[in-house]
Amino acid sequence: MSASDTRAAASFSVSGPEPALDDAERRLVGESRPLVYQAMRISHGTLRSYASRTDYDVEAIVDSFEQPEISRSDTELTVTWAWDHPAAVFMNNGTSDHTIHGDPVLSFIWEDPPADARERWPEEGDGVRVFTDEVSVSGLPESRFVQAGLNWLRQEVS
């Protein structure tokens, strides 16, 4: 598994002779219920379970799942899949407590602000529209949703 600033991704490789690679490719991405998509469903289930425990909305991350990429040589097949949502890597790996700095200003809806915030900022929807130069936030626990699907896949093919 790898992660960058905006993607959470997994890769699975198989080595062997060409007939074995043909079979692996068919099972991983070519059947009506390919193993990579089943692994993705495990990942999404793990992410949704995490969301229910932490009260996060993760459907935009689920929707950002990209079609698997296949790379193949004479002796190796690699299938890579990813979620291309900016929060995917943070939900997967977690974060420590941190400060977010505006560039130059942050703006967001604060759904349950204290009374003094309601006096300072305009109400909008279910909260108030906040404008600030920085905000300190609690870190996110890791969900390891990408790893959950990859681990399932490894067990299926071993």
C-alpha atoms as a PDB file:
ATOM      1  CA  MET A   1       0.000   0.000   0.000  1.00  0.00           C
ATOM      2  CA  SER A   2       1.168   3.497  -0.728  1.00  0.00           C
ATOM      3  CA  ALA A   3      -0.180   6.926  -0.025  1.00  0.00           C
ATOM      4  CA  SER A   4       0.474  10.365  -1.384  1.00  0.00           C
ATOM      5  CA  ASP A   5      -1.069  13.708  -0.556  1.00  0.00           C
ATOM      6  CA  THR A   6      -4.289  12.978  -2.442  1.00  0.00           C
ATOM      7  CA  ARG A   7      -4.520   9.231  -3.062  1.00  0.00           C
ATOM      8  CA  ALA A   8      -4.781   6.088  -1.031  1.00  0.00           C
ATOM      9  CA  ALA A   9      -3.745   3.159  -3.207  1.00  0.00           C
ATOM     10  CA  ALA A  10      -3.045  -0.558  -3.139  1.00  0.00           C
ATOM     11  CA  SER A  11      -1.063  -2.761  -5.509  1.00  0.00           C
ATOM     12  CA  PHE A  12      -1.085  -6.526  -5.854  1.00  0.00           C
ATOM     13  CA  SER A  13       1.519  -8.392  -7.894  1.00  0.00           C
ATOM     14  CA  VAL A  14       1.708 -11.951  -9.156  1.00  0.00           C
ATOM     15  CA  SER A  15       4.743 -13.554 -10.790  1.00  0.00           C
ATOM     16  CA  GLY A  16       4.860 -16.634 -12.952  1.00  0.00           C
ATOM     17  CA  PRO A  17       4.621 -18.010 -16.467  1.00  0.00           C
ATOM     18  CA  GLU A  18       2.255 -16.431 -18.963  1.00  0.00           C
ATOM     19  CA  PRO A  19      -0.611 -18.969 -18.547  1.00  0.00           C
ATOM     20  CA  ALA A  20      -0.592 -18.389 -14.774  1.00  0.00           C
ATOM     21  CA  LEU A  21      -0.641 -14.621 -15.332  1.00  0.00           C
ATOM     22  CA  ASP A  22      -3.573 -14.986 -17.749  1.00  0.00           C
ATOM     23  CA  ASP A  23      -5.492 -16.883 -15.067  1.00  0.00           C
ATOM     24  CA  ALA A  24      -4.546 -14.377 -12.371  1.00  0.00           C
ATOM     25  CA  GLU A  25      -5.636 -11.421 -14.517  1.00  0.00           C
ATOM     26  CA  ARG A  26      -8.965 -13.103 -15.237  1.00  0.00           C
ATOM     27  CA  ARG A  27      -9.580 -13.791 -11.542  1.00  0.00           C
ATOM     28  CA  LEU A  28      -8.386 -10.378 -10.343  1.00  0.00           C
ATOM     29  CA  VAL A  29     -10.128  -8.090 -12.838  1.00  0.00           C
ATOM     30  CA  GLY A  30     -11.791 -10.056 -15.635  1.00  0.00           C
ATOM     31  CA  GLU A  31     -14.594 -12.129 -14.126  1.00  0.00           C
ATOM     32  CA  SER A  32     -18.124 -11.013 -13.325  1.00  0.00           C
ATOM     33  CA  ARG A  33     -17.137 -10.760  -9.622  1.00  0.00           C
ATOM     34  CA  PRO A  34     -13.405 -10.066  -9.899  1.00  0.00           C
ATOM     35  CA  LEU A  35     -11.327 -10.332  -6.759  1.00  0.00           C
ATOM     36  CA  VAL A  36     -10.088  -6.740  -6.884  1.00  0.00           C
ATOM     37  CA  TYR A  37     -13.664  -5.448  -6.806  1.00  0.00           C
ATOM     38  CA  GLN A  38     -14.501  -7.769  -3.939  1.00  0.00           C
ATOM     39  CA  ALA A  39     -11.442  -6.389  -2.100  1.00  0.00           C
ATOM     40  CA  MET A  40     -12.714  -2.874  -2.844  1.00  0.00           C
ATOM     41  CA  ARG A  41     -16.052  -3.806  -1.269  1.00  0.00           C
ATOM     42  CA  ILE A  42     -14.219  -5.013   1.854  1.00  0.00           C
ATOM     43  CA  SER A  43     -12.374  -1.683   1.931  1.00  0.00           C
ATOM     44  CA  HIS A  44     -15.613   0.265   1.562  1.00  0.00           C
ATOM     45  CA  GLY A  45     -17.259  -1.773   4.325  1.00  0.00           C
ATOM     46  CA  THR A  46     -14.303  -1.056   6.605  1.00  0.00           C
ATOM     47  CA  LEU A  47     -14.450   2.651   5.747  1.00  0.00           C
ATOM     48  CA  ARG A  48     -18.214   2.847   6.346  1.00  0.00           C
ATOM     49  CA  SER A  49     -17.839   1.046   9.673  1.00  0.00           C
ATOM     50  CA  TYR A  50     -15.139   3.557  10.637  1.00  0.00           C
ATOM     51  CA  ALA A  51     -17.470   6.381   9.605  1.00  0.00           C
ATOM     52  CA  SER A  52     -20.294   5.061  11.763  1.00  0.00           C
ATOM     53  CA  ARG A  53     -17.973   4.972  14.790  1.00  0.00           C
ATOM     54  CA  THR A  54     -16.443   8.411  14.173  1.00  0.00           C
ATOM     55  CA  ASP A  55     -19.448  10.250  12.703  1.00  0.00           C
ATOM     56  CA  TYR A  56     -17.671  11.127   9.433  1.00  0.00           C
ATOM     57  CA  ASP A  57     -19.283  11.203   6.008  1.00  0.00           C
ATOM     58  CA  VAL A  58     -17.113   9.023   3.773  1.00  0.00           C
ATOM     59  CA  GLU A  59     -19.335   8.563   0.714  1.00  0.00           C
ATOM     60  CA  ALA A  60     -17.295  11.025  -1.351  1.00  0.00           C
ATOM     61  CA  ILE A  61     -14.241   8.856  -0.673  1.00  0.00           C
ATOM     62  CA  VAL A  62     -16.161   5.711  -1.647  1.00  0.00           C
ATOM     63  CA  ASP A  63     -17.296   7.449  -4.850  1.00  0.00           C
ATOM     64  CA  SER A  64     -13.700   8.396  -5.731  1.00  0.00           C
ATOM     65  CA  PHE A  65     -12.678   4.752  -6.319  1.00  0.00           C
ATOM     66  CA  GLU A  66     -10.790   4.576  -9.603  1.00  0.00           C
ATOM     67  CA  GLN A  67     -10.795   1.755 -12.119  1.00  0.00           C
ATOM     68  CA  PRO A  68      -7.914  -0.642 -11.469  1.00  0.00           C
ATOM     69  CA  GLU A  69      -4.783  -0.184 -13.571  1.00  0.00           C
ATOM     70  CA  ILE A  70      -3.123  -3.305 -14.940  1.00  0.00           C
ATOM     71  CA  SER A  71       0.590  -3.483 -15.642  1.00  0.00           C
ATOM     72  CA  ARG A  72       1.958  -6.654 -17.157  1.00  0.00           C
ATOM     73  CA  SER A  73       5.279  -8.023 -18.332  1.00  0.00           C
ATOM     74  CA  ASP A  74       6.218 -11.511 -19.505  1.00  0.00           C
ATOM     75  CA  THR A  75       6.646 -12.690 -15.915  1.00  0.00           C
ATOM     76  CA  GLU A  76       4.637 -10.341 -13.663  1.00  0.00           C
ATOM     77  CA  LEU A  77       1.157  -8.869 -13.366  1.00  0.00           C
ATOM     78  CA  THR A  78       0.465  -5.882 -11.111  1.00  0.00           C
ATOM     79  CA  VAL A  79      -2.990  -4.507 -10.419  1.00  0.00           C
ATOM     80  CA  THR A  80      -3.221  -1.095  -8.722  1.00  0.00           C
ATOM     81  CA  TRP A  81      -6.388   0.535  -7.441  1.00  0.00           C
ATOM     82  CA  ALA A  82      -6.924   3.816  -5.639  1.00  0.00           C
ATOM     83  CA  TRP A  83      -9.271   6.346  -4.112  1.00  0.00           C
ATOM     84  CA  ASP A  84      -8.586   9.811  -5.487  1.00  0.00           C
ATOM     85  CA  HIS A  85     -10.295  11.919  -2.833  1.00  0.00           C
ATOM     86  CA  PRO A  86      -8.104  14.379  -0.907  1.00  0.00           C
ATOM     87  CA  ALA A  87      -9.293  12.967   2.432  1.00  0.00           C
ATOM     88  CA  ALA A  88      -8.787   9.286   1.523  1.00  0.00           C
ATOM     89  CA  VAL A  89      -5.165   9.113   2.594  1.00  0.00           C
ATOM     90  CA  PHE A  90      -5.949  10.868   5.890  1.00  0.00           C
ATOM     91  CA  MET A  91      -8.895   8.590   6.673  1.00  0.00           C
ATOM     92  CA  ASN A  92      -6.763   5.565   5.867  1.00  0.00           C
ATOM     93  CA  ASN A  93      -3.572   6.536   7.706  1.00  0.00           C
ATOM     94  CA  GLY A  94      -4.993   8.808  10.402  1.00  0.00           C
ATOM     95  CA  THR A  95      -3.516  12.118  11.489  1.00  0.00           C
ATOM     96  CA  SER A  96      -2.179  13.613  14.673  1.00  0.00           C
ATOM     97  CA  ASP A  97      -3.683  16.717  16.259  1.00  0.00           C
ATOM     98  CA  HIS A  98      -2.772  19.597  13.977  1.00  0.00           C
ATOM     99  CA  THR A  99      -3.421  23.178  12.937  1.00  0.00           C
ATOM    100  CA  ILE A 100      -4.897  24.030   9.549  1.00  0.00           C
ATOM    101  CA  HIS A 101      -3.782  27.404   8.228  1.00  0.00           C
ATOM    102  CA  GLY A 102      -5.871  29.466   5.836  1.00  0.00           C
ATOM    103  CA  ASP A 103      -4.525  30.739   2.563  1.00  0.00           C
ATOM    104  CA  PRO A 104      -5.268  33.460   3.626  1.00  0.00           C
ATOM    105  CA  VAL A 105      -8.609  32.505   5.242  1.00  0.00           C
ATOM    106  CA  LEU A 106     -10.460  29.298   6.107  1.00  0.00           C
ATOM    107  CA  SER A 107     -14.219  29.164   5.796  1.00  0.00           C
ATOM    108  CA  PHE A 108     -16.452  26.301   6.914  1.00  0.00           C
ATOM    109  CA  ILE A 109     -19.826  25.517   8.461  1.00  0.00           C
ATOM    110  CA  TRP A 110     -19.571  24.857  12.208  1.00  0.00           C
ATOM    111  CA  GLU A 111     -22.626  22.763  13.029  1.00  0.00           C
ATOM    112  CA  ASP A 112     -22.575  22.996  16.813  1.00  0.00           C
ATOM    113  CA  PRO A 113     -20.651  26.131  17.782  1.00  0.00           C
ATOM    114  CA  PRO A 114     -20.620  27.721  21.221  1.00  0.00           C
ATOM    115  CA  ALA A 115     -22.880  30.726  21.812  1.00  0.00           C
ATOM    116  CA  ASP A 116     -20.120  33.313  21.267  1.00  0.00           C
ATOM    117  CA  ALA A 117     -19.463  31.901  17.788  1.00  0.00           C
ATOM    118  CA  ARG A 118     -23.143  32.317  16.909  1.00  0.00           C
ATOM    119  CA  GLU A 119     -22.831  35.986  17.872  1.00  0.00           C
ATOM    120  CA  ARG A 120     -19.728  36.554  15.683  1.00  0.00           C
ATOM    121  CA  TRP A 121     -20.583  34.707  12.484  1.00  0.00           C
ATOM    122  CA  PRO A 122     -23.673  34.452  10.278  1.00  0.00           C
ATOM    123  CA  GLU A 123     -25.981  31.459  10.570  1.00  0.00           C
ATOM    124  CA  GLU A 124     -26.012  29.220   7.538  1.00  0.00           C
ATOM    125  CA  GLY A 125     -27.855  25.929   7.224  1.00  0.00           C
ATOM    126  CA  ASP A 126     -27.441  23.872  10.391  1.00  0.00           C
ATOM    127  CA  GLY A 127     -24.668  26.028  11.885  1.00  0.00           C
ATOM    128  CA  VAL A 128     -22.673  29.191  11.381  1.00  0.00           C
ATOM    129  CA  ARG A 129     -20.297  30.193   8.579  1.00  0.00           C
ATOM    130  CA  VAL A 130     -16.874  30.597  10.199  1.00  0.00           C
ATOM    131  CA  PHE A 131     -14.045  32.716   8.818  1.00  0.00           C
ATOM    132  CA  THR A 132     -10.634  32.361  10.472  1.00  0.00           C
ATOM    133  CA  ASP A 133      -6.938  32.323   9.612  1.00  0.00           C
ATOM    134  CA  GLU A 134      -6.294  28.986  11.337  1.00  0.00           C
ATOM    135  CA  VAL A 135      -8.013  26.269  13.306  1.00  0.00           C
ATOM    136  CA  SER A 136      -6.615  23.553  15.593  1.00  0.00           C
ATOM    137  CA  VAL A 137      -8.243  20.178  15.048  1.00  0.00           C
ATOM    138  CA  SER A 138      -8.104  16.793  16.712  1.00  0.00           C
ATOM    139  CA  GLY A 139      -6.353  14.118  14.742  1.00  0.00           C
ATOM    140  CA  LEU A 140      -8.161  11.343  12.902  1.00  0.00           C
ATOM    141  CA  PRO A 141      -7.811   7.738  13.996  1.00  0.00           C
ATOM    142  CA  GLU A 142      -6.555   5.473  11.221  1.00  0.00           C
ATOM    143  CA  SER A 143      -9.136   3.309   9.474  1.00  0.00           C
ATOM    144  CA  ARG A 144      -6.714   1.168   7.412  1.00  0.00           C
ATOM    145  CA  PHE A 145      -9.563   0.630   4.924  1.00  0.00           C
ATOM    146  CA  VAL A 146      -7.173   0.152   2.009  1.00  0.00           C
ATOM    147  CA  GLN A 147      -5.154  -2.450   3.917  1.00  0.00           C
ATOM    148  CA  ALA A 148      -8.337  -4.316   4.920  1.00  0.00           C
ATOM    149  CA  GLY A 149      -9.210  -5.013   1.283  1.00  0.00           C
ATOM    150  CA  LEU A 150      -5.642  -5.861   0.366  1.00  0.00           C
ATOM    151  CA  ASN A 151      -5.350  -8.289   3.291  1.00  0.00           C
ATOM    152  CA  TRP A 152      -8.599  -9.968   2.238  1.00  0.00           C
ATOM    153  CA  LEU A 153      -7.290 -10.311  -1.311  1.00  0.00           C
ATOM    154  CA  ARG A 154      -4.019 -11.857  -0.140  1.00  0.00           C
ATOM    155  CA  GLN A 155      -5.952 -14.454   1.848  1.00  0.00           C
ATOM    156  CA  GLU A 156      -8.161 -15.273  -1.137  1.00  0.00           C
ATOM    157  CA  VAL A 157      -5.277 -15.971  -3.485  1.00  0.00           C
ATOM    158  CA  SER A 158      -2.985 -17.781  -1.053  1.00  0.00           C
END
